[in-house]
Amino acid sequence: MTDNATIERALVVMAVCLAIQTVAIATGAIAALVAWRRARAAIESQVGELRMRVDRVSESVERAAHAFERSASAVQDAVDGTREAVKSAATIVASPRAALALGALRGLQWWRRHRAERRARYAVRQPRLMVHTRT
C-alpha cells in the first residue's frame, strides 16, 4: 500500500495546480475581455472614420450630380431655344413675303455693288504725260 504522505503530497500538488490553473483561466478571461473591449472600441472608431469619409465622398458626388444636372438642363434649354429660333427663321423665310423681300434685298445689293464698280472704273484718273526739257 502506498503511503498516506505520498497521497497527501499528490493531492496538495493537484490542488496547487488546480489553483494555478484557475488563476490562469481567470487572468486569460479578463485579458480576453479587455482585448475584446479594445478591439470593439478600435473597430467603432474605424467605422466612425469610414462613415465620415463615406459622407464626404457622397456629398461631393451629390454636388457633382447636381452640377451635371444643372449643366444638362442648361444644354437642354439652349437646344430648345435654338430649335425655336430655327423654327421661327424657317417660318419667316418660307413665307412668300420673305422670299420677295430677300430677292429685293439681293437685287439692291447687286445694284449697289455694280454701281460702285462702275464709279470706281470711271473715277480712275488717266496718267498725264509729262515732258521734261533739258536746258
Protein backbone atom coordinates (compact mmCIF):
# COMPACT_ATOMS: atom_id res chain seq x y z
CA MET A 1 0.00 0.00 0.00
CA THR A 2 1.02 3.43 -0.69
CA ASP A 3 1.96 5.72 1.96
CA ASN A 4 -0.57 8.33 3.12
CA ALA A 5 2.07 11.00 2.92
CA THR A 6 2.57 10.35 -0.81
CA ILE A 7 -1.14 10.57 -1.44
CA GLU A 8 -1.37 13.75 0.59
CA ARG A 9 1.53 15.27 -1.36
CA ALA A 10 -0.12 14.30 -4.65
CA LEU A 11 -3.41 15.86 -3.52
CA VAL A 12 -1.60 19.06 -2.46
CA VAL A 13 0.23 19.24 -5.77
CA MET A 14 -3.06 18.69 -7.60
CA ALA A 15 -4.77 21.39 -5.50
CA VAL A 16 -1.93 23.86 -6.17
CA CYS A 17 -2.01 23.05 -9.88
CA LEU A 18 -5.79 23.48 -9.86
CA ALA A 19 -5.45 26.85 -8.13
CA ILE A 20 -2.76 27.96 -10.63
CA GLN A 21 -4.95 26.78 -13.50
CA THR A 22 -7.95 28.65 -12.09
CA VAL A 23 -5.91 31.86 -11.72
CA ALA A 24 -4.53 31.43 -15.24
CA ILE A 25 -8.01 30.88 -16.72
CA ALA A 26 -9.40 33.88 -14.80
CA THR A 27 -6.47 36.03 -15.95
CA GLY A 28 -6.97 34.80 -19.56
CA ALA A 29 -10.69 35.56 -19.36
CA ILE A 30 -10.01 39.07 -18.04
CA ALA A 31 -7.34 39.63 -20.71
CA ALA A 32 -9.74 38.39 -23.41
CA LEU A 33 -12.45 40.72 -22.08
CA VAL A 34 -10.06 43.71 -22.12
CA ALA A 35 -8.83 42.78 -25.60
CA TRP A 36 -12.44 42.44 -26.79
CA ARG A 37 -13.33 45.89 -25.44
CA ARG A 38 -10.26 47.47 -27.02
CA ALA A 39 -10.92 45.78 -30.35
CA ARG A 40 -14.55 46.88 -30.26
CA ALA A 41 -13.53 50.46 -29.47
CA ALA A 42 -10.96 50.41 -32.29
CA ILE A 43 -13.50 48.96 -34.72
CA GLU A 44 -16.08 51.54 -33.69
CA SER A 45 -13.59 54.38 -34.22
CA GLN A 46 -12.63 52.92 -37.62
CA VAL A 47 -16.31 52.62 -38.54
CA GLY A 48 -16.83 56.21 -37.45
CA GLU A 49 -13.93 57.42 -39.61
CA LEU A 50 -15.16 55.32 -42.51
CA ARG A 51 -18.65 56.75 -42.07
CA MET A 52 -17.23 60.30 -42.15
CA ARG A 53 -15.25 59.53 -45.31
CA VAL A 54 -18.27 57.99 -46.98
CA ASP A 55 -20.32 61.06 -46.02
CA ARG A 56 -17.68 63.36 -47.54
CA VAL A 57 -17.48 61.30 -50.71
CA SER A 58 -21.24 61.06 -51.06
CA GLU A 59 -21.53 64.82 -50.52
CA SER A 60 -19.02 65.54 -53.29
CA VAL A 61 -20.75 63.00 -55.55
CA GLU A 62 -24.08 64.71 -54.86
CA ARG A 63 -22.56 68.11 -55.70
CA ALA A 64 -21.15 66.71 -58.94
CA ALA A 65 -24.52 65.15 -59.79
CA HIS A 66 -26.30 68.46 -59.15
CA ALA A 67 -23.76 70.33 -61.28
CA PHE A 68 -24.19 67.78 -64.07
CA GLU A 69 -27.95 68.08 -63.79
CA ARG A 70 -27.75 71.88 -63.98
CA SER A 71 -25.44 71.77 -67.00
CA ALA A 72 -27.67 69.20 -68.72
CA SER A 73 -30.65 71.44 -68.05
CA ALA A 74 -28.79 74.44 -69.46
CA VAL A 75 -27.85 72.48 -72.58
CA GLN A 76 -31.43 71.35 -72.99
CA ASP A 77 -32.64 74.95 -72.63
CA ALA A 78 -30.09 76.08 -75.23
CA VAL A 79 -31.18 73.32 -77.63
CA ASP A 80 -34.83 74.24 -77.10
CA GLY A 81 -34.05 77.91 -77.73
CA THR A 82 -32.11 77.07 -80.88
CA ARG A 83 -34.93 74.84 -82.08
CA GLU A 84 -37.43 77.64 -81.57
CA ALA A 85 -35.17 80.14 -83.35
CA VAL A 86 -34.74 77.79 -86.31
CA LYS A 87 -38.49 77.22 -86.45
CA SER A 88 -39.10 80.97 -86.40
CA ALA A 89 -36.46 81.59 -89.05
CA ALA A 90 -37.87 78.80 -91.22
CA THR A 91 -41.35 80.25 -90.87
CA ILE A 92 -40.13 83.71 -91.80
CA VAL A 93 -38.01 82.54 -94.72
CA ALA A 94 -40.68 80.17 -96.01
CA SER A 95 -43.34 82.88 -96.38
CA PRO A 96 -43.82 84.47 -99.85
CA ARG A 97 -43.29 87.96 -98.47
CA ALA A 98 -39.92 86.93 -97.05
CA ALA A 99 -38.88 85.40 -100.37
CA LEU A 100 -39.87 88.62 -102.16
CA ALA A 101 -38.05 90.74 -99.58
CA LEU A 102 -34.91 88.59 -99.80
CA GLY A 103 -34.99 88.81 -103.61
CA ALA A 104 -35.37 92.59 -103.46
CA LEU A 105 -32.55 92.85 -100.93
CA ARG A 106 -30.22 90.76 -103.10
CA GLY A 107 -31.12 92.82 -106.15
CA LEU A 108 -30.45 96.06 -104.27
CA GLN A 109 -27.11 94.74 -103.04
CA TRP A 110 -26.15 93.70 -106.58
CA TRP A 111 -27.18 97.11 -108.00
CA ARG A 112 -25.14 98.98 -105.36
CA ARG A 113 -22.07 96.80 -105.92
CA HIS A 114 -22.37 97.17 -109.71
CA ARG A 115 -22.77 100.96 -109.43
CA ALA A 116 -19.75 101.20 -107.08
CA GLU A 117 -17.64 99.20 -109.53
CA ARG A 118 -18.64 101.46 -112.44
CA ARG A 119 -17.88 104.59 -110.47
CA ALA A 120 -14.52 103.18 -109.45
CA ARG A 121 -13.68 102.43 -113.11
CA TYR A 122 -14.59 105.89 -114.33
CA ALA A 123 -13.12 107.66 -111.35
CA VAL A 124 -9.62 106.41 -112.09
CA ARG A 125 -7.58 109.31 -113.43
CA GLN A 126 -5.73 108.89 -116.61
CA PRO A 127 -1.99 109.30 -116.21
CA ARG A 128 -0.64 112.62 -117.51
CA LEU A 129 2.08 112.82 -119.99
CA MET A 130 4.97 114.77 -118.55
CA VAL A 131 7.64 116.21 -120.71
CA HIS A 132 10.96 117.23 -119.27
CA THR A 133 13.08 119.70 -121.12
CA ARG A 134 16.77 119.81 -120.81
CA THR A 135 18.48 123.04 -120.51
